[in-house]
Amino acid sequence: MKEDVLEQVVDDYLQLKGYFTTHNLRFRPSADHPDYETQQDSVHSDIDVVGFLPTDRTRRRVVTVTCKSWQAGFDARQKLLQMRGDLSNPKRETWRHFRELWQPKWSQAFRDEVERLTGRTQFTYVVAATKFTGSWSPEQAETEWNADATISTNLAGNRLEFWELSRMWGEVVAAMTHTTANSEIGRLAQLLKAAGLTE
């Protein structure tokens, strides 16, 4: 199955920065975990894109990206308040979109899988969104989410960042040359740039 368009842009963006990438990192809590519930925990969750940059010696060597390609946009303040229980949730509870940030058994499974794949316990966790809505900028959202005790504990000292589609797309388009790109999104960016549709 083809990844969604936001995932493809994230993939091109990371490769532009020199990362090797892989998709759909699957994880679920261990059946041995004391809080494991068969009905709730037997189905895998996944992180959309993982980037690995061998030359980087910081926690940015590994980047894990969850993509929220919601056309209505991403309201970071609303989502955090919903996860905390300070604001009513939609039909599907918000924390279920961020299991690895909110539930210790899922965060442990996520960190274990990142380490298994990359050999690293340090990483940068990214939420990529189509656009940001609400009162918080991506920078304020990063401050607030990183300061949240539950998220901070479940990320085990790793940092969270928010990336917006417009920024990534702008950098991908700017980097396009006349050499044929090696991805569908890259080729689209080249054609749009050549046609003057990216100004």
N, C-alpha and C. Protein backbone atom coordinates (compact mmCIF):
# COMPACT_ATOMS: atom_id res chain seq x y z
N MET A 1 0.84 -1.19 0.00
CA MET A 1 0.00 0.00 0.00
C MET A 1 0.88 1.24 0.00
N LYS A 2 0.50 2.25 -0.76
CA LYS A 2 1.23 3.51 -0.80
C LYS A 2 1.05 4.25 0.52
N GLU A 3 2.13 4.89 0.98
CA GLU A 3 2.03 5.73 2.14
C GLU A 3 1.21 6.96 1.77
N ASP A 4 0.65 7.65 2.77
CA ASP A 4 -0.08 8.85 2.42
C ASP A 4 0.91 9.95 2.00
N VAL A 5 0.38 11.02 1.42
CA VAL A 5 1.23 12.05 0.82
C VAL A 5 2.12 12.70 1.86
N LEU A 6 1.60 12.96 3.05
CA LEU A 6 2.42 13.58 4.09
C LEU A 6 3.60 12.69 4.45
N GLU A 7 3.37 11.39 4.54
CA GLU A 7 4.47 10.46 4.80
C GLU A 7 5.52 10.53 3.69
N GLN A 8 5.08 10.63 2.46
CA GLN A 8 6.03 10.70 1.34
C GLN A 8 6.84 11.99 1.38
N VAL A 9 6.20 13.10 1.76
CA VAL A 9 6.94 14.36 1.90
C VAL A 9 7.96 14.25 3.04
N VAL A 10 7.54 13.68 4.16
CA VAL A 10 8.48 13.47 5.28
C VAL A 10 9.66 12.62 4.84
N ASP A 11 9.38 11.57 4.08
CA ASP A 11 10.43 10.68 3.60
C ASP A 11 11.44 11.45 2.73
N ASP A 12 10.93 12.23 1.77
CA ASP A 12 11.82 13.02 0.91
C ASP A 12 12.58 14.06 1.71
N TYR A 13 11.91 14.68 2.66
CA TYR A 13 12.54 15.70 3.50
C TYR A 13 13.71 15.12 4.29
N LEU A 14 13.48 13.96 4.90
CA LEU A 14 14.56 13.33 5.66
C LEU A 14 15.70 12.89 4.76
N GLN A 15 15.39 12.32 3.60
CA GLN A 15 16.44 11.90 2.68
C GLN A 15 17.24 13.10 2.17
N LEU A 16 16.57 14.23 1.99
CA LEU A 16 17.25 15.46 1.60
C LEU A 16 18.30 15.85 2.65
N LYS A 17 18.01 15.55 3.92
CA LYS A 17 18.93 15.85 5.01
C LYS A 17 19.99 14.77 5.19
N GLY A 18 19.94 13.71 4.35
CA GLY A 18 20.95 12.66 4.42
C GLY A 18 20.54 11.41 5.17
N TYR A 19 19.29 11.35 5.62
CA TYR A 19 18.83 10.20 6.40
C TYR A 19 18.51 9.00 5.51
N PHE A 20 18.79 7.81 6.03
CA PHE A 20 18.20 6.59 5.51
C PHE A 20 16.84 6.46 6.18
N THR A 21 15.83 6.00 5.45
CA THR A 21 14.49 5.95 6.02
C THR A 21 13.85 4.58 5.85
N THR A 22 12.94 4.31 6.77
CA THR A 22 12.09 3.13 6.66
C THR A 22 10.71 3.53 7.15
N HIS A 23 9.72 2.72 6.80
CA HIS A 23 8.33 3.09 7.10
C HIS A 23 7.65 2.05 7.97
N ASN A 24 6.62 2.53 8.67
CA ASN A 24 5.70 1.67 9.43
C ASN A 24 6.41 0.76 10.42
N LEU A 25 7.06 1.38 11.39
CA LEU A 25 7.70 0.64 12.48
C LEU A 25 6.60 0.15 13.43
N ARG A 26 6.37 -1.16 13.40
CA ARG A 26 5.27 -1.73 14.18
C ARG A 26 5.73 -2.09 15.60
N PHE A 27 4.84 -1.87 16.55
CA PHE A 27 5.16 -2.21 17.94
C PHE A 27 3.86 -2.44 18.71
N ARG A 28 3.97 -3.18 19.80
CA ARG A 28 2.85 -3.38 20.71
C ARG A 28 3.43 -3.85 22.04
N PRO A 29 2.68 -3.68 23.12
CA PRO A 29 3.20 -4.08 24.43
C PRO A 29 3.49 -5.57 24.50
N SER A 30 4.47 -5.89 25.29
CA SER A 30 4.80 -7.30 25.52
C SER A 30 3.67 -7.95 26.32
N ALA A 31 3.37 -9.18 25.96
CA ALA A 31 2.35 -9.93 26.70
C ALA A 31 2.78 -10.16 28.14
N ASP A 32 4.08 -10.00 28.43
CA ASP A 32 4.59 -10.18 29.79
C ASP A 32 4.42 -8.92 30.65
N HIS A 33 4.06 -7.80 30.01
CA HIS A 33 3.92 -6.56 30.78
C HIS A 33 2.76 -6.70 31.77
N PRO A 34 2.95 -6.25 33.02
CA PRO A 34 1.90 -6.44 34.04
C PRO A 34 0.57 -5.76 33.69
N ASP A 35 0.60 -4.73 32.84
CA ASP A 35 -0.64 -4.03 32.47
C ASP A 35 -1.20 -4.48 31.12
N TYR A 36 -0.63 -5.53 30.57
CA TYR A 36 -1.07 -6.01 29.25
C TYR A 36 -2.52 -6.48 29.30
N GLU A 37 -3.32 -6.02 28.33
CA GLU A 37 -4.71 -6.46 28.19
C GLU A 37 -4.89 -7.00 26.78
N THR A 38 -5.24 -8.24 26.65
CA THR A 38 -5.36 -8.87 25.34
C THR A 38 -6.28 -8.10 24.42
N GLN A 39 -7.42 -7.66 24.93
CA GLN A 39 -8.41 -6.99 24.09
C GLN A 39 -7.91 -5.62 23.60
N GLN A 40 -7.10 -4.95 24.42
CA GLN A 40 -6.63 -3.61 24.09
C GLN A 40 -5.28 -3.57 23.39
N ASP A 41 -4.44 -4.57 23.65
CA ASP A 41 -3.02 -4.45 23.30
C ASP A 41 -2.52 -5.46 22.27
N SER A 42 -3.38 -6.28 21.73
CA SER A 42 -2.91 -7.33 20.82
C SER A 42 -2.68 -6.84 19.40
N VAL A 43 -3.26 -5.69 19.05
CA VAL A 43 -3.10 -5.14 17.70
C VAL A 43 -1.94 -4.15 17.69
N HIS A 44 -1.07 -4.25 16.69
CA HIS A 44 0.09 -3.38 16.61
C HIS A 44 -0.30 -1.92 16.35
N SER A 45 0.48 -1.02 16.88
CA SER A 45 0.48 0.36 16.46
C SER A 45 1.72 0.55 15.59
N ASP A 46 1.88 1.72 14.99
CA ASP A 46 3.09 1.91 14.19
C ASP A 46 3.47 3.39 14.13
N ILE A 47 4.76 3.61 13.92
CA ILE A 47 5.28 4.95 13.65
C ILE A 47 5.51 5.01 12.15
N ASP A 48 5.09 6.11 11.54
CA ASP A 48 5.03 6.18 10.08
C ASP A 48 6.39 6.16 9.39
N VAL A 49 7.33 6.95 9.89
CA VAL A 49 8.65 7.04 9.24
C VAL A 49 9.73 7.07 10.31
N VAL A 50 10.81 6.34 10.07
CA VAL A 50 12.00 6.40 10.93
C VAL A 50 13.18 6.79 10.06
N GLY A 51 13.91 7.81 10.50
CA GLY A 51 15.10 8.24 9.79
C GLY A 51 16.35 7.95 10.62
N PHE A 52 17.43 7.53 9.94
CA PHE A 52 18.70 7.20 10.61
C PHE A 52 19.82 7.90 9.87
N LEU A 53 20.58 8.73 10.59
CA LEU A 53 21.68 9.49 10.02
C LEU A 53 22.98 9.06 10.70
N PRO A 54 23.71 8.12 10.09
CA PRO A 54 24.87 7.52 10.76
C PRO A 54 25.94 8.52 11.20
N THR A 55 26.09 9.64 10.49
CA THR A 55 27.16 10.59 10.81
C THR A 55 26.83 11.51 11.97
N ASP A 56 25.58 11.51 12.41
CA ASP A 56 25.17 12.37 13.52
C ASP A 56 25.37 11.64 14.84
N ARG A 57 26.01 12.29 15.78
CA ARG A 57 26.29 11.65 17.08
C ARG A 57 25.34 12.14 18.18
N THR A 58 24.35 12.95 17.82
CA THR A 58 23.39 13.45 18.80
C THR A 58 22.13 12.61 18.76
N ARG A 59 21.12 13.03 19.55
CA ARG A 59 19.85 12.30 19.54
C ARG A 59 19.09 12.50 18.23
N ARG A 60 19.58 13.42 17.36
CA ARG A 60 18.97 13.58 16.05
C ARG A 60 19.47 12.52 15.06
N ARG A 61 20.35 11.66 15.51
CA ARG A 61 20.80 10.56 14.64
C ARG A 61 19.61 9.68 14.25
N VAL A 62 18.69 9.53 15.18
CA VAL A 62 17.46 8.76 14.93
C VAL A 62 16.27 9.71 15.08
N VAL A 63 15.42 9.75 14.06
CA VAL A 63 14.22 10.56 14.09
C VAL A 63 13.03 9.65 13.81
N THR A 64 12.06 9.67 14.72
CA THR A 64 10.83 8.89 14.51
C THR A 64 9.70 9.88 14.25
N VAL A 65 8.92 9.63 13.21
CA VAL A 65 7.90 10.61 12.80
C VAL A 65 6.52 9.95 12.73
N THR A 66 5.58 10.53 13.46
CA THR A 66 4.18 10.14 13.32
C THR A 66 3.49 11.23 12.52
N CYS A 67 2.78 10.85 11.45
CA CYS A 67 2.19 11.81 10.53
C CYS A 67 0.69 11.96 10.81
N LYS A 68 0.26 13.20 10.98
CA LYS A 68 -1.15 13.52 11.20
C LYS A 68 -1.63 14.36 10.01
N SER A 69 -2.07 13.69 8.96
CA SER A 69 -2.45 14.38 7.73
C SER A 69 -3.93 14.73 7.77
N TRP A 70 -4.33 15.36 8.87
CA TRP A 70 -5.71 15.76 9.05
C TRP A 70 -5.96 17.07 8.32
N GLN A 71 -6.91 17.08 7.40
CA GLN A 71 -7.16 18.27 6.60
C GLN A 71 -7.65 19.44 7.44
N ALA A 72 -8.31 19.17 8.54
CA ALA A 72 -8.78 20.24 9.42
C ALA A 72 -7.64 20.87 10.21
N GLY A 73 -6.48 20.24 10.18
CA GLY A 73 -5.32 20.78 10.89
C GLY A 73 -5.12 20.13 12.24
N PHE A 74 -4.06 20.55 12.92
CA PHE A 74 -3.66 19.96 14.20
C PHE A 74 -3.62 21.07 15.25
N ASP A 75 -4.50 20.96 16.23
CA ASP A 75 -4.54 21.91 17.34
C ASP A 75 -3.82 21.27 18.52
N ALA A 76 -2.56 21.64 18.71
CA ALA A 76 -1.72 20.97 19.72
C ALA A 76 -2.23 21.20 21.14
N ARG A 77 -2.74 22.39 21.41
CA ARG A 77 -3.26 22.68 22.74
C ARG A 77 -4.48 21.81 23.03
N GLN A 78 -5.39 21.74 22.07
CA GLN A 78 -6.60 20.93 22.23
C GLN A 78 -6.25 19.47 22.46
N LYS A 79 -5.33 18.93 21.67
CA LYS A 79 -4.98 17.52 21.78
C LYS A 79 -4.35 17.21 23.14
N LEU A 80 -3.49 18.11 23.63
CA LEU A 80 -2.87 17.87 24.93
C LEU A 80 -3.90 17.93 26.04
N LEU A 81 -4.82 18.89 26.00
CA LEU A 81 -5.86 18.97 27.02
C LEU A 81 -6.77 17.75 26.98
N GLN A 82 -7.05 17.23 25.79
CA GLN A 82 -7.87 16.03 25.68
C GLN A 82 -7.16 14.82 26.29
N MET A 83 -5.87 14.70 26.03
CA MET A 83 -5.13 13.57 26.60
C MET A 83 -5.08 13.66 28.12
N ARG A 84 -4.98 14.86 28.63
CA ARG A 84 -4.95 15.05 30.09
C ARG A 84 -6.31 14.84 30.73
N GLY A 85 -7.38 14.85 29.94
CA GLY A 85 -8.72 14.74 30.48
C GLY A 85 -9.31 16.07 30.88
N ASP A 86 -8.67 17.17 30.49
CA ASP A 86 -9.15 18.51 30.83
C ASP A 86 -10.10 19.07 29.78
N LEU A 87 -10.31 18.32 28.71
CA LEU A 87 -11.20 18.72 27.64
C LEU A 87 -11.86 17.46 27.10
N SER A 88 -13.13 17.56 26.74
CA SER A 88 -13.83 16.35 26.28
C SER A 88 -13.17 15.79 25.02
N ASN A 89 -13.16 14.48 24.94
CA ASN A 89 -12.54 13.78 23.83
C ASN A 89 -13.54 13.51 22.73
N PRO A 90 -13.06 13.37 21.49
CA PRO A 90 -13.94 12.88 20.42
C PRO A 90 -14.27 11.41 20.67
N LYS A 91 -15.01 10.81 19.74
CA LYS A 91 -15.44 9.42 19.92
C LYS A 91 -14.25 8.50 20.17
N ARG A 92 -13.19 8.67 19.39
CA ARG A 92 -11.96 7.90 19.62
C ARG A 92 -11.04 8.76 20.48
N GLU A 93 -10.76 8.30 21.68
CA GLU A 93 -9.97 9.09 22.62
C GLU A 93 -8.64 9.52 22.00
N THR A 94 -8.27 10.76 22.26
CA THR A 94 -7.08 11.34 21.64
C THR A 94 -5.80 10.58 21.98
N TRP A 95 -5.68 10.09 23.20
CA TRP A 95 -4.44 9.41 23.58
C TRP A 95 -4.19 8.19 22.69
N ARG A 96 -5.24 7.63 22.09
CA ARG A 96 -5.06 6.46 21.24
C ARG A 96 -4.29 6.80 19.96
N HIS A 97 -4.26 8.07 19.59
CA HIS A 97 -3.44 8.50 18.45
C HIS A 97 -1.98 8.68 18.85
N PHE A 98 -1.73 8.67 20.17
CA PHE A 98 -0.38 8.91 20.70
C PHE A 98 -0.08 7.93 21.83
N ARG A 99 -0.37 6.66 21.58
CA ARG A 99 -0.21 5.64 22.63
C ARG A 99 1.19 5.67 23.23
N GLU A 100 2.19 5.80 22.35
CA GLU A 100 3.59 5.73 22.80
C GLU A 100 4.00 6.93 23.64
N LEU A 101 3.21 8.00 23.61
CA LEU A 101 3.49 9.16 24.45
C LEU A 101 2.72 9.13 25.76
N TRP A 102 1.63 8.37 25.81
CA TRP A 102 0.70 8.51 26.93
C TRP A 102 0.55 7.27 27.80
N GLN A 103 0.83 6.12 27.27
CA GLN A 103 0.65 4.88 28.03
C GLN A 103 2.01 4.21 28.24
N PRO A 104 2.45 4.01 29.48
CA PRO A 104 3.79 3.45 29.74
C PRO A 104 4.05 2.12 29.04
N LYS A 105 3.06 1.23 28.97
CA LYS A 105 3.31 -0.06 28.34
C LYS A 105 3.55 0.11 26.84
N TRP A 106 2.88 1.08 26.22
CA TRP A 106 3.09 1.34 24.80
C TRP A 106 4.40 2.10 24.57
N SER A 107 4.73 3.02 25.46
CA SER A 107 5.99 3.76 25.29
C SER A 107 7.19 2.84 25.44
N GLN A 108 7.09 1.88 26.37
CA GLN A 108 8.19 0.92 26.53
C GLN A 108 8.35 0.08 25.28
N ALA A 109 7.23 -0.37 24.72
CA ALA A 109 7.28 -1.17 23.49
C ALA A 109 7.86 -0.36 22.33
N PHE A 110 7.46 0.90 22.25
CA PHE A 110 7.97 1.78 21.21
C PHE A 110 9.48 1.99 21.34
N ARG A 111 9.94 2.33 22.53
CA ARG A 111 11.38 2.57 22.74
C ARG A 111 12.18 1.30 22.50
N ASP A 112 11.64 0.16 22.90
CA ASP A 112 12.34 -1.11 22.66
C ASP A 112 12.48 -1.38 21.16
N GLU A 113 11.44 -1.07 20.39
CA GLU A 113 11.48 -1.33 18.96
C GLU A 113 12.43 -0.36 18.25
N VAL A 114 12.47 0.89 18.69
CA VAL A 114 13.43 1.84 18.13
C VAL A 114 14.85 1.37 18.40
N GLU A 115 15.11 0.90 19.61
CA GLU A 115 16.44 0.41 19.94
C GLU A 115 16.78 -0.84 19.13
N ARG A 116 15.80 -1.73 18.97
CA ARG A 116 16.06 -2.95 18.20
C ARG A 116 16.43 -2.60 16.76
N LEU A 117 15.72 -1.63 16.19
CA LEU A 117 15.94 -1.27 14.79
C LEU A 117 17.23 -0.48 14.59
N THR A 118 17.54 0.44 15.50
CA THR A 118 18.63 1.39 15.27
C THR A 118 19.85 1.19 16.18
N GLY A 119 19.66 0.43 17.24
CA GLY A 119 20.75 0.28 18.21
C GLY A 119 20.89 1.48 19.12
N ARG A 120 19.91 2.39 19.11
CA ARG A 120 19.98 3.63 19.87
C ARG A 120 18.79 3.77 20.81
N THR A 121 19.07 4.28 22.01
CA THR A 121 17.99 4.61 22.94
C THR A 121 17.64 6.09 22.87
N GLN A 122 18.52 6.88 22.25
CA GLN A 122 18.28 8.31 22.09
C GLN A 122 17.71 8.59 20.69
N PHE A 123 16.72 9.43 20.63
CA PHE A 123 16.08 9.75 19.36
C PHE A 123 15.32 11.06 19.50
N THR A 124 14.89 11.61 18.38
CA THR A 124 13.98 12.76 18.37
C THR A 124 12.63 12.27 17.88
N TYR A 125 11.59 12.55 18.65
CA TYR A 125 10.23 12.15 18.30
C TYR A 125 9.55 13.33 17.62
N VAL A 126 8.98 13.11 16.43
CA VAL A 126 8.39 14.20 15.65
C VAL A 126 6.92 13.91 15.37
N VAL A 127 6.10 14.94 15.54
CA VAL A 127 4.72 14.93 15.05
C VAL A 127 4.72 15.82 13.81
N ALA A 128 4.47 15.23 12.64
CA ALA A 128 4.36 16.00 11.40
C ALA A 128 2.89 16.21 11.11
N ALA A 129 2.52 17.46 10.83
CA ALA A 129 1.11 17.79 10.62
C ALA A 129 0.92 18.57 9.33
N THR A 130 -0.26 18.41 8.74
CA THR A 130 -0.59 19.15 7.53
C THR A 130 -0.50 20.65 7.78
N LYS A 131 -1.11 21.10 8.88
CA LYS A 131 -1.01 22.49 9.29
C LYS A 131 -1.36 22.58 10.76
N PHE A 132 -0.91 23.65 11.41
CA PHE A 132 -1.23 23.86 12.81
C PHE A 132 -2.36 24.87 12.93
N THR A 133 -3.30 24.56 13.81
CA THR A 133 -4.43 25.46 14.07
C THR A 133 -4.44 25.76 15.56
N GLY A 134 -5.36 26.60 15.98
CA GLY A 134 -5.46 26.91 17.40
C GLY A 134 -4.49 28.00 17.81
N SER A 135 -4.35 28.18 19.10
CA SER A 135 -3.61 29.32 19.63
C SER A 135 -2.11 29.09 19.78
N TRP A 136 -1.66 27.84 19.67
CA TRP A 136 -0.23 27.56 19.86
C TRP A 136 0.49 27.45 18.53
N SER A 137 1.61 28.11 18.42
CA SER A 137 2.52 27.91 17.28
C SER A 137 3.21 26.57 17.48
N PRO A 138 3.85 26.03 16.43
CA PRO A 138 4.61 24.79 16.61
C PRO A 138 5.67 24.92 17.71
N GLU A 139 6.29 26.10 17.83
CA GLU A 139 7.34 26.29 18.84
C GLU A 139 6.75 26.25 20.26
N GLN A 140 5.61 26.91 20.47
CA GLN A 140 4.98 26.85 21.79
C GLN A 140 4.47 25.45 22.09
N ALA A 141 3.95 24.79 21.06
CA ALA A 141 3.49 23.41 21.25
C ALA A 141 4.63 22.51 21.71
N GLU A 142 5.80 22.67 21.11
CA GLU A 142 6.96 21.88 21.52
C GLU A 142 7.28 22.12 23.00
N THR A 143 7.28 23.38 23.40
CA THR A 143 7.57 23.72 24.80
C THR A 143 6.58 23.05 25.73
N GLU A 144 5.29 23.16 25.41
CA GLU A 144 4.24 22.64 26.29
C GLU A 144 4.23 21.12 26.33
N TRP A 145 4.36 20.49 25.18
CA TRP A 145 4.33 19.02 25.15
C TRP A 145 5.57 18.44 25.83
N ASN A 146 6.73 19.04 25.60
CA ASN A 146 7.95 18.53 26.25
C ASN A 146 7.92 18.73 27.76
N ALA A 147 7.18 19.74 28.23
CA ALA A 147 7.09 20.00 29.66
C ALA A 147 6.06 19.12 30.36
N ASP A 148 5.21 18.46 29.60
CA ASP A 148 4.20 17.61 30.21
C ASP A 148 4.86 16.40 30.87
N ALA A 149 4.51 16.16 32.12
CA ALA A 149 5.19 15.11 32.90
C ALA A 149 4.99 13.72 32.30
N THR A 150 3.79 13.42 31.82
CA THR A 150 3.52 12.09 31.25
C THR A 150 4.33 11.88 29.98
N ILE A 151 4.31 12.85 29.08
CA ILE A 151 5.05 12.73 27.83
C ILE A 151 6.55 12.65 28.09
N SER A 152 7.04 13.52 28.98
CA SER A 152 8.47 13.54 29.30
C SER A 152 8.93 12.20 29.86
N THR A 153 8.15 11.63 30.74
CA THR A 153 8.50 10.33 31.33
C THR A 153 8.49 9.23 30.28
N ASN A 154 7.45 9.23 29.45
CA ASN A 154 7.32 8.16 28.46
C ASN A 154 8.33 8.26 27.32
N LEU A 155 8.84 9.46 27.07
CA LEU A 155 9.91 9.61 26.07
C LEU A 155 11.29 9.39 26.67
N ALA A 156 11.34 9.18 27.97
CA ALA A 156 12.60 8.83 28.66
C ALA A 156 13.72 9.82 28.35
N GLY A 157 13.38 11.11 28.43
CA GLY A 157 14.40 12.13 28.23
C GLY A 157 14.63 12.55 26.79
N ASN A 158 13.96 11.90 25.86
CA ASN A 158 14.09 12.29 24.45
C ASN A 158 13.16 13.46 24.15
N ARG A 159 13.53 14.22 23.12
CA ARG A 159 12.80 15.46 22.81
C ARG A 159 11.76 15.24 21.73
N LEU A 160 10.67 16.01 21.83
CA LEU A 160 9.59 15.99 20.86
C LEU A 160 9.64 17.28 20.03
N GLU A 161 9.39 17.16 18.73
CA GLU A 161 9.31 18.32 17.84
C GLU A 161 8.05 18.24 16.99
N PHE A 162 7.60 19.40 16.52
CA PHE A 162 6.48 19.48 15.59
C PHE A 162 6.97 20.03 14.26
N TRP A 163 6.62 19.34 13.17
CA TRP A 163 6.99 19.79 11.82
C TRP A 163 5.72 20.03 11.03
N GLU A 164 5.69 21.15 10.32
CA GLU A 164 4.53 21.49 9.50
C GLU A 164 4.82 21.22 8.03
N LEU A 165 3.82 20.76 7.30
CA LEU A 165 3.99 20.40 5.90
C LEU A 165 4.58 21.54 5.08
N SER A 166 4.12 22.76 5.29
CA SER A 166 4.59 23.89 4.46
C SER A 166 6.10 24.07 4.56
N ARG A 167 6.65 23.90 5.75
CA ARG A 167 8.10 24.06 5.91
C ARG A 167 8.86 22.96 5.18
N MET A 168 8.41 21.72 5.37
CA MET A 168 9.09 20.60 4.72
C MET A 168 8.99 20.69 3.21
N TRP A 169 7.78 20.98 2.72
CA TRP A 169 7.57 21.07 1.27
C TRP A 169 8.43 22.18 0.68
N GLY A 170 8.51 23.31 1.37
CA GLY A 170 9.32 24.42 0.89
C GLY A 170 10.78 24.04 0.73
N GLU A 171 11.30 23.29 1.69
CA GLU A 171 12.70 22.88 1.62
C GLU A 171 12.92 21.83 0.52
N VAL A 172 11.96 20.93 0.35
CA VAL A 172 12.07 19.91 -0.70
C VAL A 172 12.07 20.59 -2.07
N VAL A 173 11.14 21.50 -2.29
CA VAL A 173 11.05 22.19 -3.58
C VAL A 173 12.30 23.01 -3.85
N ALA A 174 12.78 23.73 -2.84
CA ALA A 174 13.97 24.57 -3.01
C ALA A 174 15.19 23.76 -3.41
N ALA A 175 15.25 22.52 -2.97
CA ALA A 175 16.42 21.68 -3.24
C ALA A 175 16.36 20.97 -4.59
N MET A 176 15.22 21.06 -5.28
CA MET A 176 15.07 20.35 -6.54
C MET A 176 15.98 20.92 -7.63
N THR A 177 16.63 20.04 -8.38
CA THR A 177 17.46 20.41 -9.52
C THR A 177 16.83 19.81 -10.78
N HIS A 178 17.55 19.86 -11.90
CA HIS A 178 17.03 19.27 -13.14
C HIS A 178 17.31 17.77 -13.23
N THR A 179 18.14 17.27 -12.32
CA THR A 179 18.38 15.82 -12.27
C THR A 179 17.10 15.13 -11.81
N THR A 180 16.69 14.09 -12.51
CA THR A 180 15.42 13.43 -12.19
C THR A 180 15.42 12.93 -10.76
N ALA A 181 14.40 13.34 -10.01
CA ALA A 181 14.27 12.92 -8.62
C ALA A 181 13.95 11.44 -8.55
N ASN A 182 14.30 10.82 -7.42
CA ASN A 182 14.12 9.37 -7.31
C ASN A 182 12.85 8.98 -6.55
N SER A 183 11.90 9.90 -6.43
CA SER A 183 10.64 9.57 -5.77
C SER A 183 9.49 10.27 -6.51
N GLU A 184 8.29 9.76 -6.30
CA GLU A 184 7.13 10.36 -6.95
C GLU A 184 6.91 11.79 -6.46
N ILE A 185 7.06 12.00 -5.16
CA ILE A 185 6.89 13.35 -4.62
C ILE A 185 7.97 14.28 -5.15
N GLY A 186 9.20 13.78 -5.24
CA GLY A 186 10.29 14.59 -5.79
C GLY A 186 10.03 14.99 -7.23
N ARG A 187 9.54 14.04 -8.03
CA ARG A 187 9.22 14.35 -9.43
C ARG A 187 8.08 15.35 -9.52
N LEU A 188 7.09 15.21 -8.66
CA LEU A 188 5.99 16.18 -8.64
C LEU A 188 6.52 17.57 -8.30
N ALA A 189 7.39 17.65 -7.30
CA ALA A 189 7.97 18.94 -6.91
C ALA A 189 8.74 19.55 -8.08
N GLN A 190 9.49 18.72 -8.82
CA GLN A 190 10.24 19.23 -9.97
C GLN A 190 9.31 19.80 -11.04
N LEU A 191 8.24 19.07 -11.34
CA LEU A 191 7.30 19.51 -12.37
C LEU A 191 6.59 20.80 -11.95
N LEU A 192 6.16 20.86 -10.70
CA LEU A 192 5.48 22.06 -10.22
C LEU A 192 6.43 23.26 -10.23
N LYS A 193 7.68 23.01 -9.87
CA LYS A 193 8.67 24.09 -9.87
C LYS A 193 8.94 24.56 -11.31
N ALA A 194 9.08 23.60 -12.22
CA ALA A 194 9.33 23.93 -13.64
C ALA A 194 8.16 24.71 -14.24
N ALA A 195 6.96 24.40 -13.79
CA ALA A 195 5.76 25.07 -14.32
C ALA A 195 5.49 26.40 -13.64
N GLY A 196 6.31 26.75 -12.66
CA GLY A 196 6.12 28.01 -11.95
C GLY A 196 4.97 27.99 -10.97
N LEU A 197 4.60 26.79 -10.52
CA LEU A 197 3.45 26.66 -9.62
C LEU A 197 3.83 26.62 -8.16
N THR A 198 5.13 26.79 -7.87
CA THR A 198 5.58 26.72 -6.47
C THR A 198 6.01 28.07 -5.95
N GLU A 199 5.79 29.12 -6.72
CA GLU A 199 6.21 30.46 -6.29
C GLU A 199 5.32 30.93 -5.15
